[in-house]
Amino acid sequence: MSFTLFIVLANALVSITALNNRDLFLKLDFQPYLIQRNNQWYRFISHAFVHADWGHLSVNMYVLYQFGKLVETYYEQLFPGMWQVYFVLLYLGGILFSTIPGYARNKENFNYHGVGASGAVSAVVFSFILMEPMAPLGIIFIPISMPAIVFGLLYLALEVYLDRNRKSNIAHSAHYFGGLFGVVFTVLIEPELVLQYLR
C-alpha cells in the first residue's frame, strides 16, 4: 500500500469517527489556547486527521490522492532507499509548519478551533509543482489549465490576500505556509531541482 493511500484511509477513518463523536472531535482539533495552557502538543498533529464536514474531507483527500501518488513516484526515483522517510517528513512537516500562524495568532483565544489536512496537502502539491513546473494544472470542474508554476504563484497570492482580508473561518495561512514548506523541504533534499529554473 502506498503512503498516500494509507494517509487517505487514516484521514477518512478518524474524520468520519470524529464527525459522529463531538467529544472526540474536540479532543483532536487545533486549539492553540489549550496547547499553551495544558501542554496538549499532540493537537499540532491530530487536528490534521479531523475535518469539518464531508465536503472538506472529500476535497482534501481527492487532491492528496492525486498529487501524493505523483510525488511518491518522483521521490522514489530521486531518493531510492530514503523516499519513504522523505515523504513522511514532507507530510508531517507540512502539518506542523502550516500551524505556526494559527498558533501565534490565537494562543490566547479560547474560542479558536481549527481542523483539516490542508497544510500538509499544500506541501505535497507544491512539492509536485517544484518538480514539474510546466505540468498543466487547473481547478476541479473548470476546464481551464495553466502551467503548474503559474497556478502555484496565483494560488499563493490569492491565499495571502484572503488571509489578510479574513472574512471566514478558513485558515488561509495554513495553505500558503504548507505550500512554502513543500517547496523549501524539497529544495533542501534535492537542490539540483533549482537548476531547472536557471536554465
Protein backbone atom coordinates (compact mmCIF):
# COMPACT_ATOMS: atom_id res chain seq x y z
CA MET A 1 0.00 0.00 0.00
CA SER A 2 1.31 3.46 -0.86
CA PHE A 3 1.86 6.03 1.87
CA THR A 4 -0.64 8.31 0.18
CA LEU A 5 -3.41 5.72 0.26
CA PHE A 6 -2.60 4.89 3.88
CA ILE A 7 -2.85 8.60 4.84
CA VAL A 8 -6.12 8.99 2.94
CA LEU A 9 -7.62 5.98 4.71
CA ALA A 10 -6.37 7.18 8.11
CA ASN A 11 -7.91 10.61 7.50
CA ALA A 12 -11.19 9.07 6.43
CA LEU A 13 -11.35 6.75 9.45
CA VAL A 14 -10.51 9.41 12.04
CA SER A 15 -12.58 12.17 10.40
CA ILE A 16 -15.72 10.08 9.98
CA THR A 17 -15.42 8.80 13.56
CA ALA A 18 -14.94 12.34 14.89
CA LEU A 19 -17.84 13.73 12.85
CA ASN A 20 -20.05 11.26 14.70
CA ASN A 21 -18.47 11.88 18.11
CA ARG A 22 -18.32 15.54 19.14
CA ASP A 23 -16.24 14.82 22.24
CA LEU A 24 -13.57 13.11 20.16
CA PHE A 25 -13.69 15.93 17.61
CA LEU A 26 -12.96 18.50 20.33
CA LYS A 27 -10.18 16.36 21.81
CA LEU A 28 -8.36 16.22 18.46
CA ASP A 29 -8.93 19.64 16.88
CA PHE A 30 -6.42 22.50 16.84
CA GLN A 31 -6.93 24.73 19.89
CA PRO A 32 -3.87 26.94 20.48
CA TYR A 33 -5.25 28.10 23.83
CA LEU A 34 -5.34 24.55 25.20
CA ILE A 35 -1.99 23.70 23.64
CA GLN A 36 -0.37 26.56 25.51
CA ARG A 37 -2.37 26.28 28.73
CA ASN A 38 -2.47 22.49 29.11
CA ASN A 39 0.55 21.43 27.05
CA GLN A 40 -1.66 19.48 24.63
CA TRP A 41 1.04 19.45 21.96
CA TYR A 42 -0.46 16.42 20.21
CA ARG A 43 -3.06 18.77 18.71
CA PHE A 44 -0.42 20.09 16.31
CA ILE A 45 -0.69 16.72 14.53
CA SER A 46 -4.10 15.31 15.50
CA HIS A 47 -6.09 18.22 14.03
CA ALA A 48 -4.91 17.27 10.53
CA PHE A 49 -6.80 13.99 10.71
CA VAL A 50 -10.11 15.67 11.55
CA HIS A 51 -12.25 17.57 9.02
CA ALA A 52 -15.14 19.98 9.40
CA ASP A 53 -17.56 18.06 7.18
CA TRP A 54 -17.80 15.56 4.33
CA GLY A 55 -17.03 18.20 1.70
CA HIS A 56 -13.88 19.35 3.49
CA LEU A 57 -12.70 15.76 3.86
CA SER A 58 -13.53 14.80 0.28
CA VAL A 59 -11.73 17.72 -1.38
CA ASN A 60 -8.61 17.38 0.75
CA MET A 61 -8.35 13.65 0.23
CA TYR A 62 -9.06 13.85 -3.51
CA VAL A 63 -6.27 16.40 -4.00
CA LEU A 64 -3.92 14.47 -1.71
CA TYR A 65 -4.53 11.21 -3.53
CA GLN A 66 -3.98 12.72 -6.97
CA PHE A 67 -0.76 14.56 -6.10
CA GLY A 68 0.54 12.23 -3.40
CA LYS A 69 0.86 9.33 -5.83
CA LEU A 70 2.88 11.50 -8.21
CA VAL A 71 5.17 12.87 -5.51
CA GLU A 72 5.77 9.35 -4.16
CA THR A 73 6.82 8.26 -7.66
CA TYR A 74 9.22 11.19 -8.06
CA TYR A 75 10.67 10.72 -4.59
CA GLU A 76 11.19 7.01 -5.26
CA GLN A 77 13.16 7.88 -8.40
CA LEU A 78 15.15 10.69 -6.79
CA PHE A 79 15.83 9.12 -3.39
CA PRO A 80 15.91 5.32 -3.64
CA GLY A 81 16.17 3.85 -0.18
CA MET A 82 15.07 7.09 1.53
CA TRP A 83 11.94 8.17 -0.30
CA GLN A 84 9.53 6.81 2.32
CA VAL A 85 11.23 8.78 5.07
CA TYR A 86 11.25 11.95 2.97
CA PHE A 87 7.59 11.60 2.01
CA VAL A 88 6.52 11.19 5.64
CA LEU A 89 8.67 14.19 6.63
CA LEU A 90 7.10 16.23 3.82
CA TYR A 91 3.60 15.42 5.04
CA LEU A 92 4.21 15.82 8.77
CA GLY A 93 6.33 18.92 8.22
CA GLY A 94 3.51 20.44 6.20
CA ILE A 95 1.13 19.83 9.08
CA LEU A 96 3.43 21.38 11.68
CA PHE A 97 4.77 24.32 9.68
CA SER A 98 1.31 25.35 8.49
CA THR A 99 0.04 25.72 12.06
CA ILE A 100 2.62 28.36 13.06
CA PRO A 101 0.49 31.42 12.13
CA GLY A 102 -2.66 30.00 13.68
CA TYR A 103 -0.89 29.18 16.91
CA ALA A 104 0.87 32.56 17.12
CA ARG A 105 -2.33 34.50 16.46
CA ASN A 106 -4.68 32.50 18.66
CA LYS A 107 -2.82 31.10 21.65
CA GLU A 108 -4.80 33.46 23.89
CA ASN A 109 -8.07 32.91 22.04
CA PHE A 110 -10.19 30.34 23.85
CA ASN A 111 -12.74 30.24 21.01
CA TYR A 112 -10.37 29.36 18.16
CA HIS A 113 -10.66 25.89 16.64
CA GLY A 114 -9.03 24.51 13.50
CA VAL A 115 -9.17 21.20 11.64
CA GLY A 116 -8.03 19.68 8.38
CA ALA A 117 -5.06 18.43 6.42
CA SER A 118 -4.91 21.43 4.08
CA GLY A 119 -1.41 22.48 5.17
CA ALA A 120 0.01 19.02 4.55
CA VAL A 121 -1.88 18.69 1.26
CA SER A 122 -0.48 22.04 0.12
CA ALA A 123 3.03 20.83 0.98
CA VAL A 124 2.55 17.79 -1.25
CA VAL A 125 1.04 19.85 -4.10
CA PHE A 126 3.84 22.40 -4.06
CA SER A 127 6.49 19.71 -3.89
CA PHE A 128 4.97 18.43 -7.14
CA ILE A 129 4.88 21.94 -8.65
CA LEU A 130 8.58 22.37 -7.91
CA MET A 131 9.42 19.09 -9.62
CA GLU A 132 7.03 19.58 -12.58
CA PRO A 133 6.65 23.36 -13.05
CA MET A 134 5.24 23.10 -16.57
CA ALA A 135 2.67 20.36 -15.90
CA PRO A 136 -0.86 21.55 -16.72
CA LEU A 137 -2.93 22.27 -13.61
CA GLY A 138 -6.43 23.59 -13.13
CA ILE A 139 -9.33 23.74 -10.72
CA ILE A 140 -11.72 20.84 -10.33
CA PHE A 141 -14.72 21.07 -12.69
CA ILE A 142 -13.31 24.14 -14.51
CA PRO A 143 -11.93 23.16 -17.95
CA ILE A 144 -9.04 25.64 -17.92
CA SER A 145 -5.45 24.69 -17.17
CA MET A 146 -2.16 26.54 -16.89
CA PRO A 147 1.46 25.65 -16.13
CA ALA A 148 1.81 24.37 -12.57
CA ILE A 149 4.24 27.14 -11.61
CA VAL A 150 1.74 29.81 -12.72
CA PHE A 151 -1.09 28.05 -10.90
CA GLY A 152 1.05 27.83 -7.76
CA LEU A 153 2.01 31.51 -7.76
CA LEU A 154 -1.58 32.62 -8.34
CA TYR A 155 -2.78 30.28 -5.59
CA LEU A 156 -0.23 31.64 -3.10
CA ALA A 157 -1.12 35.25 -3.97
CA LEU A 158 -4.83 34.52 -3.52
CA GLU A 159 -4.32 32.80 -0.18
CA VAL A 160 -2.16 35.66 1.14
CA TYR A 161 -4.83 38.16 0.05
CA LEU A 162 -7.66 36.15 1.64
CA ASP A 163 -5.63 35.74 4.83
CA ARG A 164 -5.08 39.49 5.12
CA ASN A 165 -8.75 40.17 4.46
CA ARG A 166 -10.17 37.43 6.67
CA LYS A 167 -13.93 37.15 6.31
CA SER A 168 -14.33 33.44 7.06
CA ASN A 169 -13.09 30.75 9.44
CA ILE A 170 -10.83 29.23 6.79
CA ALA A 171 -7.16 29.21 7.85
CA HIS A 172 -5.73 30.57 4.60
CA SER A 173 -2.31 30.99 6.18
CA ALA A 174 -2.13 27.21 6.65
CA HIS A 175 -2.48 26.81 2.89
CA TYR A 176 0.39 29.07 1.90
CA PHE A 177 2.65 28.12 4.81
CA GLY A 178 2.14 24.47 3.94
CA GLY A 179 2.89 25.20 0.28
CA LEU A 180 6.04 27.11 1.15
CA PHE A 181 7.19 24.24 3.35
CA GLY A 182 6.69 21.81 0.48
CA VAL A 183 8.95 23.91 -1.76
CA VAL A 184 11.66 24.56 0.83
CA PHE A 185 11.76 20.95 2.03
CA THR A 186 12.02 19.56 -1.49
CA VAL A 187 14.79 22.01 -2.39
CA LEU A 188 16.71 21.08 0.74
CA ILE A 189 16.64 17.37 -0.05
CA GLU A 190 17.25 17.85 -3.79
CA PRO A 191 18.98 21.21 -4.51
CA GLU A 192 19.51 20.20 -8.15
CA LEU A 193 15.83 20.92 -8.79
CA VAL A 194 16.56 24.63 -8.55
CA LEU A 195 18.78 24.42 -11.64
CA GLN A 196 15.77 23.80 -13.89
CA TYR A 197 14.63 27.34 -13.14
CA LEU A 198 18.04 28.76 -14.10
CA ARG A 199 18.29 27.07 -17.47
